[in-house]
Amino acid sequence: MKNIHPLRRGIDRRSFLKLSGLLGLGTAAAAAVPVSAEAVPFNKKMVKLSKTRLAMGSFVSMTLLHPSKDQAEEAMDAAFIEMDRLSGLLSRYDHASAVYELNTHGHLKGLPPEVVQVVTSSLDYYRLTGGYFDVTVKPVVDLFQQKMGGEKKVPPTDAEIQDLLKRVDARNIQIDGNSVCFKAEGMGITLDGIAVGFIVDRVSELLLSLGIKNHLINASGDIRTRGAKEDGKPWTVAIQDPWKRKTYPDVVHMGDGAISTSGNYEIYYDREKMFHHIVNPKTGLSPDGVTSGTIIANTTMEADALATALCVMSPAQGTEFVNGLSACESLVIGKDGALWKSKGWKSAAI
């Protein structure tokens, strides 16, 4: 782990490049793109403005299409400013953030509305997934980092995990207006699996309000698309191969929508990948049946949260779960490399 950032410490759960290259835009994986803006005229009526910079603890790329280069640049600057503001509110590492204070004291009044909205939404996804998405897994995630994150790796004992599981249950989060409190001692929340998606959605709405109807935001794989790219063609996104074999398990076209992938193949604490950044809130262990899970949804926040839940469920269970949802599709890659697609998943013809 490198630097400490307001939303995440260095590059953690959502920071690996879960979805790679924005095909057709001449853009490689986000980590390889220069951190500078580039404006390229597509034709006499449209300019493409692309920029990648560090934000939310990882690389964030934006591509905007608009007739005015100046207006696109102003909108992009505003978008990154808003991204930094929101990540500061939702950080669990920044000592000045509301989430850090809530985790420290177990209760907090006068929370910013954005924080209340994300916590409230996290409870909705807790109920929707039958408890497989649970932001109160923080104590167990912290245990893994403490025991396995340093040079001397000592696996946590079953007793340690079971003791911390007593603090894991989103039903013990109580929300009253702009106040939140934990009903059990020693609880804490990590919004890593939902906050980035929320921020990407908010930034996309801001761009839209500023007249940027065609844009793509890629926050290390939490991707939000609006409109189309040049000549009305859909955005094209490739799903990253967990084993880095320089191929793509699948490619999809996107119009207005969101896509997000979660997986165990980048952030793990031992060679066997028994302990990684995704934790099953029911067992306190890192699941090993799924290598990556991808969700296409209407919003990035929904895709973000549900992709995390997919990695906790079995491939069959996760696929069946998504088949029962409206306006969502999924692609699960099992640990054996098998692909599990929801009934409405549509691969791109390229």
Protein backbone atom coordinates (compact mmCIF):
# COMPACT_ATOMS: atom_id res chain seq x y z
CA MET A 1 0.00 0.00 0.00
CA LYS A 2 1.27 3.42 -0.87
CA ASN A 3 -0.21 6.74 0.11
CA ILE A 4 -3.08 7.42 2.47
CA HIS A 5 -6.06 9.03 0.75
CA PRO A 6 -9.30 10.36 2.24
CA LEU A 7 -11.44 7.52 0.90
CA ARG A 8 -9.05 4.59 0.91
CA ARG A 9 -5.60 3.82 2.20
CA GLY A 10 -3.40 3.70 -0.87
CA ILE A 11 -4.96 1.44 -3.46
CA ASP A 12 -7.26 -1.06 -1.79
CA ARG A 13 -10.58 -2.83 -2.44
CA ARG A 14 -11.93 -0.84 -5.35
CA SER A 15 -8.58 0.45 -6.55
CA PHE A 16 -7.39 -2.41 -8.68
CA LEU A 17 -8.30 -2.16 -12.34
CA LYS A 18 -11.33 -4.37 -12.38
CA LEU A 19 -12.43 -3.41 -15.84
CA SER A 20 -9.72 -2.60 -18.31
CA GLY A 21 -9.20 -0.42 -21.37
CA LEU A 22 -11.97 1.72 -22.71
CA LEU A 23 -11.99 0.07 -26.11
CA GLY A 24 -12.43 2.27 -29.12
CA LEU A 25 -11.20 5.35 -27.26
CA GLY A 26 -7.52 4.57 -27.54
CA THR A 27 -7.29 4.44 -23.76
CA ALA A 28 -5.32 1.73 -21.96
CA ALA A 29 -5.84 0.53 -18.41
CA ALA A 30 -6.17 3.53 -16.14
CA ALA A 31 -2.87 2.98 -14.32
CA ALA A 32 -0.96 3.39 -17.57
CA VAL A 33 -2.57 6.63 -18.74
CA PRO A 34 -0.61 9.88 -18.25
CA VAL A 35 -2.06 12.11 -15.56
CA SER A 36 -2.82 14.98 -17.89
CA ALA A 37 -5.67 16.22 -20.00
CA GLU A 38 -5.84 15.55 -23.71
CA ALA A 39 -8.28 17.19 -26.08
CA VAL A 40 -8.71 15.53 -29.48
CA PRO A 41 -11.11 16.74 -32.18
CA PHE A 42 -13.25 13.87 -33.45
CA ASN A 43 -14.82 15.95 -36.18
CA LYS A 44 -15.80 19.54 -36.85
CA LYS A 45 -18.61 19.39 -34.30
CA MET A 46 -17.18 17.35 -31.41
CA VAL A 47 -14.12 17.36 -29.16
CA LYS A 48 -13.07 14.47 -26.93
CA LEU A 49 -11.46 15.52 -23.66
CA SER A 50 -9.76 12.80 -21.61
CA LYS A 51 -8.01 13.06 -18.28
CA THR A 52 -6.68 10.63 -15.68
CA ARG A 53 -5.56 11.63 -12.20
CA LEU A 54 -5.30 10.28 -8.69
CA ALA A 55 -8.59 10.53 -6.83
CA MET A 56 -10.25 8.42 -4.13
CA GLY A 57 -6.95 6.61 -3.57
CA SER A 58 -6.58 5.32 -7.13
CA PHE A 59 -6.58 6.39 -10.75
CA VAL A 60 -9.79 7.94 -12.07
CA SER A 61 -10.31 8.55 -15.78
CA MET A 62 -12.90 10.76 -17.42
CA THR A 63 -13.74 11.08 -21.11
CA LEU A 64 -16.04 13.90 -22.15
CA LEU A 65 -17.47 14.60 -25.60
CA HIS A 66 -18.74 18.11 -26.28
CA PRO A 67 -18.67 20.73 -29.03
CA SER A 68 -16.84 23.22 -26.79
CA LYS A 69 -13.37 22.34 -25.52
CA ASP A 70 -13.49 25.17 -22.95
CA GLN A 71 -16.86 24.08 -21.57
CA ALA A 72 -15.70 20.47 -21.33
CA GLU A 73 -12.55 21.50 -19.45
CA GLU A 74 -14.54 23.61 -16.98
CA ALA A 75 -16.96 20.75 -16.41
CA MET A 76 -14.16 18.25 -15.87
CA ASP A 77 -12.45 20.51 -13.34
CA ALA A 78 -15.72 20.86 -11.45
CA ALA A 79 -16.24 17.09 -11.55
CA PHE A 80 -12.88 16.34 -9.95
CA ILE A 81 -13.44 19.00 -7.29
CA GLU A 82 -16.77 17.41 -6.40
CA MET A 83 -15.18 13.97 -6.36
CA ASP A 84 -12.57 15.15 -3.85
CA ARG A 85 -15.23 16.77 -1.67
CA LEU A 86 -17.38 13.65 -1.51
CA SER A 87 -14.47 11.30 -0.90
CA GLY A 88 -13.45 13.47 2.04
CA LEU A 89 -16.90 13.05 3.57
CA LEU A 90 -17.03 9.27 3.14
CA SER A 91 -13.51 8.30 4.16
CA ARG A 92 -12.95 5.88 7.02
CA TYR A 93 -9.26 6.85 7.21
CA ASP A 94 -9.41 10.64 7.25
CA HIS A 95 -9.58 11.72 10.90
CA ALA A 96 -11.59 14.77 9.89
CA SER A 97 -14.35 12.80 8.17
CA ALA A 98 -17.78 12.08 9.59
CA VAL A 99 -17.38 8.35 8.93
CA TYR A 100 -14.13 8.22 10.92
CA GLU A 101 -15.78 10.04 13.83
CA LEU A 102 -18.80 7.74 13.66
CA ASN A 103 -16.55 4.68 13.78
CA THR A 104 -14.59 6.17 16.69
CA HIS A 105 -17.53 7.06 18.91
CA GLY A 106 -20.24 4.68 17.69
CA HIS A 107 -22.73 7.51 17.26
CA LEU A 108 -22.85 10.88 15.56
CA LYS A 109 -25.41 13.63 15.08
CA GLY A 110 -25.55 16.13 12.26
CA LEU A 111 -24.10 13.87 9.59
CA PRO A 112 -23.78 15.35 6.08
CA PRO A 113 -26.74 14.28 3.95
CA GLU A 114 -24.46 12.43 1.53
CA VAL A 115 -23.16 10.20 4.33
CA VAL A 116 -26.68 9.49 5.57
CA GLN A 117 -27.73 8.63 2.02
CA VAL A 118 -24.89 6.15 1.51
CA VAL A 119 -25.41 4.48 4.90
CA THR A 120 -29.16 4.26 4.26
CA SER A 121 -28.54 2.75 0.83
CA SER A 122 -26.13 0.24 2.35
CA LEU A 123 -28.95 -1.00 4.57
CA ASP A 124 -31.19 -1.35 1.51
CA TYR A 125 -28.57 -3.54 -0.20
CA TYR A 126 -28.08 -5.49 3.02
CA ARG A 127 -31.75 -6.43 2.90
CA LEU A 128 -31.81 -6.98 -0.86
CA THR A 129 -28.86 -9.39 -0.76
CA GLY A 130 -30.03 -11.26 2.32
CA GLY A 131 -27.10 -9.93 4.35
CA TYR A 132 -24.33 -10.77 1.86
CA PHE A 133 -23.56 -7.06 1.48
CA ASP A 134 -22.83 -5.70 4.94
CA VAL A 135 -20.81 -2.55 5.63
CA THR A 136 -20.29 -3.57 9.26
CA VAL A 137 -17.60 -6.11 8.30
CA LYS A 138 -15.00 -3.45 9.13
CA PRO A 139 -13.78 -5.12 12.36
CA VAL A 140 -12.96 -8.33 10.47
CA VAL A 141 -11.35 -6.47 7.55
CA ASP A 142 -9.24 -4.55 10.05
CA LEU A 143 -8.21 -7.83 11.69
CA PHE A 144 -7.03 -9.24 8.36
CA GLN A 145 -5.03 -6.09 7.67
CA GLN A 146 -3.48 -6.06 11.13
CA LYS A 147 -2.55 -9.74 11.20
CA MET A 148 -1.67 -10.32 7.55
CA GLY A 149 -0.86 -6.89 6.13
CA GLY A 150 2.66 -6.53 7.51
CA GLU A 151 5.91 -8.36 6.90
CA LYS A 152 5.15 -10.85 9.66
CA LYS A 153 1.95 -12.57 8.59
CA VAL A 154 0.10 -14.35 11.36
CA PRO A 155 -3.28 -15.77 10.28
CA PRO A 156 -6.15 -14.80 12.58
CA THR A 157 -7.50 -17.57 14.72
CA ASP A 158 -11.03 -18.90 14.47
CA ALA A 159 -11.66 -17.57 17.96
CA GLU A 160 -10.59 -14.06 16.96
CA ILE A 161 -12.83 -14.09 13.92
CA GLN A 162 -15.81 -15.47 15.80
CA ASP A 163 -15.39 -12.86 18.50
CA LEU A 164 -15.45 -10.03 15.96
CA LEU A 165 -18.44 -11.51 14.14
CA LYS A 166 -20.50 -10.49 17.17
CA ARG A 167 -20.01 -6.91 15.97
CA VAL A 168 -21.02 -7.60 12.36
CA ASP A 169 -24.70 -7.03 11.60
CA ALA A 170 -26.06 -4.07 9.68
CA ARG A 171 -29.35 -4.41 11.54
CA ASN A 172 -27.51 -2.79 14.46
CA ILE A 173 -27.17 0.48 12.55
CA GLN A 174 -29.83 2.93 13.67
CA ILE A 175 -30.62 5.98 11.55
CA ASP A 176 -32.73 8.85 12.86
CA GLY A 177 -32.81 11.82 10.53
CA ASN A 178 -29.22 12.97 10.17
CA SER A 179 -28.03 10.95 13.17
CA VAL A 180 -26.55 7.45 13.09
CA CYS A 181 -25.61 5.20 15.97
CA PHE A 182 -24.41 1.62 16.44
CA LYS A 183 -26.43 -0.55 18.77
CA ALA A 184 -23.55 -2.92 19.53
CA GLU A 185 -20.20 -2.19 21.15
CA GLY A 186 -17.13 -2.14 18.93
CA MET A 187 -18.96 -1.84 15.61
CA GLY A 188 -17.61 0.05 12.63
CA ILE A 189 -18.49 0.53 8.98
CA THR A 190 -16.48 0.45 5.77
CA LEU A 191 -18.14 2.08 2.79
CA ASP A 192 -15.46 0.94 0.34
CA GLY A 193 -17.94 -1.31 -1.46
CA ILE A 194 -20.52 1.38 -2.15
CA ALA A 195 -19.09 4.89 -1.69
CA VAL A 196 -17.07 4.98 -4.90
CA GLY A 197 -20.15 4.03 -6.90
CA PHE A 198 -22.16 6.74 -5.15
CA ILE A 199 -19.49 9.35 -5.89
CA VAL A 200 -19.24 8.35 -9.55
CA ASP A 201 -23.03 8.69 -9.91
CA ARG A 202 -23.01 12.13 -8.30
CA VAL A 203 -20.17 13.32 -10.52
CA SER A 204 -21.97 12.01 -13.59
CA GLU A 205 -25.10 13.95 -12.58
CA LEU A 206 -22.98 17.06 -12.18
CA LEU A 207 -21.51 16.67 -15.66
CA LEU A 208 -24.98 16.19 -17.07
CA SER A 209 -26.21 19.36 -15.35
CA LEU A 210 -23.29 21.23 -16.93
CA GLY A 211 -24.36 20.18 -20.40
CA ILE A 212 -21.99 17.23 -20.88
CA LYS A 213 -24.45 14.65 -22.18
CA ASN A 214 -21.82 12.22 -23.50
CA HIS A 215 -19.23 11.06 -20.98
CA LEU A 216 -17.58 8.10 -19.33
CA ILE A 217 -16.13 7.96 -15.81
CA ASN A 218 -13.87 5.08 -14.79
CA ALA A 219 -12.95 5.05 -11.10
CA SER A 220 -10.64 2.04 -11.20
CA GLY A 221 -13.37 -0.07 -12.73
CA ASP A 222 -16.51 1.48 -11.26
CA ILE A 223 -17.69 2.79 -14.60
CA ARG A 224 -20.55 5.18 -15.41
CA THR A 225 -21.50 5.90 -19.00
CA ARG A 226 -23.82 8.51 -20.48
CA GLY A 227 -24.91 9.01 -24.05
CA ALA A 228 -22.46 7.72 -26.62
CA LYS A 229 -18.98 8.20 -27.98
CA GLU A 230 -18.15 9.52 -31.42
CA ASP A 231 -20.77 9.26 -34.17
CA GLY A 232 -23.33 7.91 -31.72
CA LYS A 233 -21.53 4.61 -31.17
CA PRO A 234 -21.97 2.93 -27.76
CA TRP A 235 -19.21 2.91 -25.20
CA THR A 236 -17.31 -0.38 -25.18
CA VAL A 237 -15.94 -1.89 -21.97
CA ALA A 238 -13.81 -5.01 -21.58
CA ILE A 239 -13.95 -7.22 -18.50
CA GLN A 240 -10.47 -7.76 -17.11
CA ASP A 241 -9.04 -11.25 -17.01
CA PRO A 242 -8.27 -12.07 -13.35
CA TRP A 243 -5.26 -14.12 -14.42
CA LYS A 244 -3.81 -11.34 -16.61
CA ARG A 245 -3.50 -13.49 -19.72
CA LYS A 246 -3.78 -10.51 -22.04
CA THR A 247 -7.26 -11.47 -23.10
CA TYR A 248 -10.77 -10.46 -22.06
CA PRO A 249 -13.38 -12.86 -20.68
CA ASP A 250 -16.01 -10.68 -22.33
CA VAL A 251 -16.76 -7.28 -23.83
CA VAL A 252 -19.97 -5.27 -23.51
CA HIS A 253 -21.51 -2.17 -25.09
CA MET A 254 -22.84 0.55 -22.80
CA GLY A 255 -25.21 3.45 -23.31
CA ASP A 256 -26.68 5.14 -20.22
CA GLY A 257 -25.75 2.83 -17.37
CA ALA A 258 -23.10 1.52 -15.02
CA ILE A 259 -20.83 -1.49 -14.70
CA SER A 260 -18.66 -2.62 -11.81
CA THR A 261 -16.49 -5.62 -11.00
CA SER A 262 -15.22 -6.95 -7.70
CA GLY A 263 -12.71 -9.75 -7.26
CA ASN A 264 -10.12 -11.41 -5.08
CA TYR A 265 -7.24 -11.37 -7.55
CA GLU A 266 -5.49 -8.10 -6.65
CA ILE A 267 -5.84 -7.32 -2.96
CA TYR A 268 -4.96 -10.30 -0.81
CA TYR A 269 -2.74 -10.91 2.19
CA ASP A 270 -1.38 -14.40 1.59
CA ARG A 271 -0.22 -16.39 -1.43
CA GLU A 272 -3.08 -18.84 -1.06
CA LYS A 273 -5.55 -15.89 -1.14
CA MET A 274 -7.35 -17.25 1.90
CA PHE A 275 -7.47 -13.74 3.36
CA HIS A 276 -8.39 -10.88 1.06
CA HIS A 277 -10.34 -7.64 1.02
CA ILE A 278 -13.76 -9.27 0.53
CA VAL A 279 -15.27 -10.81 3.65
CA ASN A 280 -18.34 -13.01 3.99
CA PRO A 281 -20.27 -11.26 6.78
CA LYS A 282 -21.92 -14.53 7.74
CA THR A 283 -18.68 -16.48 8.32
CA GLY A 284 -16.01 -13.82 8.80
CA LEU A 285 -13.89 -15.55 6.14
CA SER A 286 -12.87 -14.53 2.64
CA PRO A 287 -14.94 -16.47 0.07
CA ASP A 288 -13.01 -18.55 -2.46
CA GLY A 289 -15.68 -19.79 -4.89
CA VAL A 290 -15.71 -16.66 -7.08
CA THR A 291 -12.70 -14.97 -8.66
CA SER A 292 -14.61 -11.94 -9.92
CA GLY A 293 -18.17 -10.71 -10.21
CA THR A 294 -19.40 -8.04 -12.61
CA ILE A 295 -22.72 -6.22 -12.42
CA ILE A 296 -24.39 -4.01 -15.02
CA ALA A 297 -27.01 -1.75 -13.44
CA ASN A 298 -28.71 1.61 -13.79
CA THR A 299 -26.44 3.24 -11.21
CA THR A 300 -22.82 2.77 -10.27
CA MET A 301 -23.70 2.58 -6.59
CA GLU A 302 -25.98 -0.37 -7.22
CA ALA A 303 -23.43 -2.08 -9.46
CA ASP A 304 -20.72 -1.45 -6.85
CA ALA A 305 -22.64 -2.96 -3.95
CA LEU A 306 -24.08 -5.92 -5.84
CA ALA A 307 -20.71 -6.83 -7.39
CA THR A 308 -19.34 -7.17 -3.86
CA ALA A 309 -22.24 -9.39 -2.86
CA LEU A 310 -21.69 -11.57 -5.96
CA CYS A 311 -18.19 -12.41 -4.76
CA VAL A 312 -19.55 -13.64 -1.43
CA MET A 313 -22.19 -15.89 -2.96
CA SER A 314 -21.45 -19.02 -4.97
CA PRO A 315 -21.49 -18.59 -8.78
CA ALA A 316 -24.82 -20.41 -9.10
CA GLN A 317 -26.36 -18.57 -6.16
CA GLY A 318 -25.19 -15.17 -7.38
CA THR A 319 -26.42 -15.76 -10.92
CA GLU A 320 -29.81 -16.92 -9.67
CA PHE A 321 -29.99 -13.88 -7.40
CA VAL A 322 -29.36 -11.46 -10.30
CA ASN A 323 -31.85 -13.30 -12.52
CA GLY A 324 -34.47 -12.34 -9.98
CA LEU A 325 -33.65 -8.63 -10.20
CA SER A 326 -34.93 -6.10 -12.70
CA ALA A 327 -32.55 -3.93 -14.73
CA CYS A 328 -29.44 -5.81 -13.56
CA GLU A 329 -27.20 -8.35 -15.30
CA SER A 330 -24.12 -10.22 -14.13
CA LEU A 331 -21.04 -12.10 -15.20
CA VAL A 332 -19.36 -14.29 -12.60
CA ILE A 333 -15.97 -15.91 -13.09
CA GLY A 334 -15.57 -18.95 -10.84
CA LYS A 335 -12.27 -19.99 -9.31
CA ASP A 336 -12.06 -22.68 -12.01
CA GLY A 337 -12.38 -20.04 -14.74
CA ALA A 338 -15.95 -20.96 -15.68
CA LEU A 339 -18.18 -18.07 -16.78
CA TRP A 340 -21.66 -17.71 -15.31
CA LYS A 341 -23.85 -15.20 -17.16
CA SER A 342 -27.26 -13.95 -16.11
CA LYS A 343 -30.08 -14.58 -18.53
CA GLY A 344 -30.04 -11.05 -19.95
CA TRP A 345 -26.28 -10.54 -20.22
CA LYS A 346 -25.39 -9.36 -23.73
CA SER A 347 -21.85 -9.67 -25.05
CA ALA A 348 -20.72 -7.09 -27.58
CA ALA A 349 -20.17 -8.04 -31.18
CA ILE A 350 -16.83 -6.48 -32.05
